[in-house]
N, C-alpha and C. Protein backbone atom coordinates (compact mmCIF):
# COMPACT_ATOMS: atom_id res chain seq x y z
N MET A 1 22.96 2.74 17.05
CA MET A 1 22.35 1.94 15.81
C MET A 1 21.09 1.25 16.62
N PRO A 2 19.89 2.12 15.84
CA PRO A 2 18.54 1.52 16.37
C PRO A 2 18.23 0.38 15.95
N LEU A 3 17.20 -0.06 16.64
CA LEU A 3 16.55 -1.22 16.09
C LEU A 3 15.12 -0.77 15.42
N LEU A 4 14.39 -1.61 14.26
CA LEU A 4 13.35 -0.76 13.54
C LEU A 4 12.40 -0.32 14.38
N LYS A 5 12.42 -0.55 15.80
CA LYS A 5 11.05 -0.37 16.35
C LYS A 5 11.15 0.99 17.21
N ASP A 6 12.78 1.39 17.21
CA ASP A 6 13.14 2.52 17.69
C ASP A 6 12.90 3.46 16.91
N LEU A 7 13.23 3.11 15.46
CA LEU A 7 13.42 3.85 14.53
C LEU A 7 12.31 5.28 14.26
N ARG A 8 12.31 6.57 14.34
CA ARG A 8 11.45 7.53 13.92
C ARG A 8 10.93 7.83 12.22
N HIS A 9 10.07 8.29 11.67
CA HIS A 9 9.64 8.60 10.51
C HIS A 9 10.61 9.03 9.68
N ASP A 10 11.46 9.67 10.32
CA ASP A 10 12.47 10.69 9.17
C ASP A 10 13.84 9.54 9.51
N GLN A 11 13.85 8.59 10.29
CA GLN A 11 15.10 8.50 9.99
C GLN A 11 15.62 6.89 8.78
N CYS A 12 16.56 6.33 8.67
CA CYS A 12 16.98 5.94 7.40
C CYS A 12 16.82 4.78 7.83
N ARG A 13 15.83 3.66 6.84
CA ARG A 13 15.49 2.25 7.12
C ARG A 13 16.66 0.92 6.34
N TYR A 14 17.69 1.75 5.87
CA TYR A 14 18.71 1.08 5.23
C TYR A 14 19.28 -0.82 6.47
N PRO A 15 19.46 -1.56 6.31
CA PRO A 15 19.59 -2.34 7.41
C PRO A 15 21.34 -2.94 7.58
N LEU A 16 21.79 -2.72 8.32
CA LEU A 16 23.07 -3.05 8.95
C LEU A 16 23.66 -4.41 9.33
N THR A 17 22.55 -5.04 9.25
CA THR A 17 22.72 -6.41 9.60
C THR A 17 21.91 -7.24 8.79
N GLN A 18 22.64 -8.70 8.82
CA GLN A 18 21.92 -9.33 7.91
C GLN A 18 20.93 -10.68 8.79
N GLU A 19 21.01 -10.43 10.14
CA GLU A 19 20.66 -11.53 11.02
C GLU A 19 20.08 -11.00 12.52
N ALA A 20 19.01 -11.20 13.32
CA ALA A 20 18.56 -10.51 14.30
C ALA A 20 19.43 -10.83 15.52
N PRO A 21 19.76 -9.36 16.01
CA PRO A 21 18.45 -8.58 16.22
C PRO A 21 19.00 -7.60 14.61
N TYR A 22 17.98 -7.02 13.97
CA TYR A 22 18.43 -6.45 12.99
C TYR A 22 18.38 -4.64 13.44
N VAL A 23 19.95 -4.38 12.59
CA VAL A 23 19.72 -2.92 13.11
C VAL A 23 20.08 -1.83 12.08
N PHE A 24 19.31 -1.14 12.09
CA PHE A 24 19.14 -0.11 11.18
C PHE A 24 20.13 1.08 11.17
N CYS A 25 20.00 1.84 10.57
CA CYS A 25 21.56 3.08 9.59
C CYS A 25 21.40 4.15 10.91
N GLY A 26 19.72 4.64 10.73
CA GLY A 26 19.29 5.74 11.86
C GLY A 26 19.57 7.19 11.36
N ARG A 27 19.94 7.69 10.04
CA ARG A 27 20.24 8.44 10.22
C ARG A 27 19.53 9.59 9.33
N GLN A 28 19.69 10.81 8.98
CA GLN A 28 18.24 11.96 8.53
C GLN A 28 18.25 11.03 7.06
N LYS A 29 16.75 11.02 6.84
CA LYS A 29 16.56 10.43 5.38
C LYS A 29 16.47 11.39 4.71
N ALA A 30 17.02 11.10 2.94
CA ALA A 30 16.91 11.97 2.09
C ALA A 30 15.46 12.34 1.78
N GLY A 31 15.05 13.35 1.11
CA GLY A 31 13.63 13.82 1.08
C GLY A 31 13.46 12.53 -0.94
N GLY A 32 12.04 12.33 -0.26
CA GLY A 32 11.69 11.39 -0.77
C GLY A 32 12.32 9.69 -0.92
N SER A 33 12.79 9.49 -0.04
CA SER A 33 13.51 7.97 0.22
C SER A 33 13.48 7.32 1.22
N SER A 34 13.56 6.32 1.59
CA SER A 34 13.27 5.63 2.93
C SER A 34 14.95 5.55 3.69
N TYR A 35 15.68 6.14 2.76
CA TYR A 35 17.14 5.83 3.22
C TYR A 35 17.65 7.27 3.19
N CYS A 36 19.06 7.28 4.06
CA CYS A 36 19.88 8.77 3.88
C CYS A 36 20.80 8.50 2.53
N PRO A 37 21.24 9.83 2.36
CA PRO A 37 21.27 10.30 0.65
C PRO A 37 22.63 8.88 0.39
N ARG A 38 23.71 8.57 1.54
CA ARG A 38 24.73 7.48 1.12
C ARG A 38 24.12 6.34 0.81
N HIS A 39 22.80 5.68 2.17
CA HIS A 39 22.32 4.28 1.19
C HIS A 39 21.47 4.31 0.11
N HIS A 40 20.63 5.70 -0.33
CA HIS A 40 19.80 5.67 -1.36
C HIS A 40 20.82 5.65 -2.57
N ALA A 41 22.01 6.49 -2.54
CA ALA A 41 23.05 6.02 -3.63
C ALA A 41 23.36 4.39 -3.90
N LEU A 42 23.70 3.90 -2.52
CA LEU A 42 23.83 2.34 -2.90
C LEU A 42 22.97 2.07 -3.24
N CYS A 43 21.18 1.99 -3.44
CA CYS A 43 20.57 1.48 -3.45
C CYS A 43 19.32 1.84 -4.83
N ILE A 44 19.57 2.59 -5.28
CA ILE A 44 18.75 3.33 -6.27
C ILE A 44 20.20 3.78 -7.58
N THR A 45 20.09 3.08 -8.81
CA THR A 45 21.04 2.66 -9.45
C THR A 45 20.15 3.64 -10.66
N LYS A 46 20.87 4.47 -11.72
CA LYS A 46 20.09 4.44 -12.66
C LYS A 46 20.81 3.67 -14.08
N ARG A 47 19.38 2.98 -14.69
CA ARG A 47 20.24 1.98 -15.41
C ARG A 47 20.28 2.59 -16.98
N VAL A 48 21.53 2.73 -16.99
CA VAL A 48 21.91 3.01 -18.56
C VAL A 48 22.62 2.41 -19.30
N ARG A 49 22.19 2.27 -20.91
CA ARG A 49 22.63 0.99 -21.85
C ARG A 49 24.21 2.09 -21.77
N PRO A 50 25.40 0.92 -22.37
CA PRO A 50 26.52 1.53 -22.02
C PRO A 50 26.42 2.73 -23.40
N ILE A 51 26.10 2.92 -24.29
CA ILE A 51 26.55 4.05 -25.48
C ILE A 51 25.73 5.04 -24.83
N GLU A 52 24.52 5.15 -24.52
CA GLU A 52 24.33 5.94 -24.09
C GLU A 52 25.09 6.76 -22.69
N PHE A 53 25.39 5.47 -21.95
CA PHE A 53 26.42 6.18 -20.85
C PHE A 53 27.55 7.10 -21.54
N LEU A 54 28.39 6.44 -22.77
CA LEU A 54 29.03 6.95 -23.62
C LEU A 54 28.73 8.20 -24.20
N ALA A 55 27.62 8.44 -24.81
CA ALA A 55 27.23 9.89 -25.34
C ALA A 55 27.30 10.93 -24.25
N GLU A 56 26.67 10.45 -23.16
CA GLU A 56 26.81 11.30 -22.08
C GLU A 56 27.81 11.93 -21.52
N TRP A 57 29.04 10.68 -20.98
CA TRP A 57 30.13 11.30 -20.89
C TRP A 57 30.68 12.25 -21.70
N ILE A 58 30.55 11.84 -23.03
CA ILE A 58 31.28 12.67 -24.18
C ILE A 58 30.77 14.35 -24.07
N ASN A 59 29.30 14.45 -24.04
CA ASN A 59 29.10 15.43 -23.92
C ASN A 59 29.40 16.51 -22.54
N GLN A 60 29.26 16.02 -21.56
CA GLN A 60 29.61 16.29 -20.08
C GLN A 60 31.06 17.05 -20.19
N THR A 61 31.84 16.18 -20.96
CA THR A 61 33.94 16.61 -21.03
C THR A 61 33.98 17.30 -22.19
N ASP A 62 33.13 17.75 -23.10
CA ASP A 62 33.55 18.19 -24.37
C ASP A 62 32.80 19.31 -24.41
N PRO A 63 32.99 20.72 -24.20
CA PRO A 63 32.13 21.63 -24.34
C PRO A 63 31.66 21.88 -25.69
N MET A 64 32.30 21.78 -26.57
CA MET A 64 32.35 21.52 -27.93
C MET A 64 31.29 20.52 -28.64
N SER A 65 31.12 20.00 -27.73
CA SER A 65 30.01 18.90 -28.64
C SER A 65 28.50 18.97 -28.83
N LYS A 66 27.93 18.23 -29.52
CA LYS A 66 27.10 18.78 -29.38
C LYS A 66 26.15 17.29 -28.96
N PRO A 67 24.59 17.41 -28.27
CA PRO A 67 24.14 16.35 -27.81
C PRO A 67 23.99 14.83 -28.54
N ALA A 68 24.15 13.74 -28.63
CA ALA A 68 23.85 12.77 -28.83
C ALA A 68 22.64 12.57 -29.99
N ARG A 69 21.64 13.40 -29.68
CA ARG A 69 20.74 13.29 -30.39
C ARG A 69 19.89 14.80 -30.05
N PRO A 70 19.42 15.06 -30.99
CA PRO A 70 18.73 16.49 -31.36
C PRO A 70 17.56 16.68 -30.66
N PRO A 71 16.98 17.52 -30.06
CA PRO A 71 15.61 17.26 -29.43
C PRO A 71 14.53 16.53 -30.34
N ALA A 72 13.86 16.30 -29.70
CA ALA A 72 12.60 15.85 -30.91
C ALA A 72 11.64 16.53 -31.59
N GLU A 73 11.63 17.77 -30.92
CA GLU A 73 11.70 18.89 -31.98
C GLU A 73 11.64 19.35 -33.13
N GLU A 74 13.29 19.23 -33.24
CA GLU A 74 14.21 19.50 -34.35
C GLU A 74 14.36 18.20 -35.16
N ARG A 75 13.96 16.79 -34.56
CA ARG A 75 14.33 15.80 -35.26
C ARG A 75 13.12 15.62 -36.33
N VAL A 76 11.97 15.60 -35.93
CA VAL A 76 10.38 15.67 -36.70
C VAL A 76 10.20 16.67 -36.80
N ARG A 77 9.97 17.05 -38.25
CA ARG A 77 9.65 18.17 -39.36
C ARG A 77 8.55 18.03 -39.78
N PRO A 78 7.33 18.88 -39.79
CA PRO A 78 6.22 18.59 -40.71
C PRO A 78 6.29 17.97 -42.09
N LEU A 79 5.78 17.23 -42.41
CA LEU A 79 5.86 17.37 -44.03
C LEU A 79 5.64 17.94 -45.08
N ASP A 80 4.96 19.12 -45.03
CA ASP A 80 5.09 20.43 -45.64
C ASP A 80 6.25 21.19 -45.50
N GLU A 81 7.17 21.12 -44.79
CA GLU A 81 8.81 21.55 -44.70
C GLU A 81 9.36 20.69 -45.27
N VAL A 82 9.54 19.14 -45.43
CA VAL A 82 10.26 18.34 -45.95
C VAL A 82 10.07 18.33 -46.97
N LEU A 83 8.69 18.48 -47.63
CA LEU A 83 8.37 18.51 -49.24
C LEU A 83 8.95 19.74 -49.99
N THR A 84 9.08 21.04 -49.29
CA THR A 84 9.39 22.18 -50.22
C THR A 84 10.52 22.52 -50.07
């Protein structure tokens, strides 16, 4: 387990200790992150409202279900089409 000064640019920067000497993970970093895939998943979470989570879960588990919301291009129609 390396110290910060011993880390290479491609190693995980997740701290494993909370007191000096600070020790870091040192595994291979995930692309676009300062952390390995495991620590990236622990630190970076997608914030979703509960109703959106439920709708997403239903759509994934039920192959016959439609998306919770139609795509924007289907929801918005030109006024000419609505009036005719």
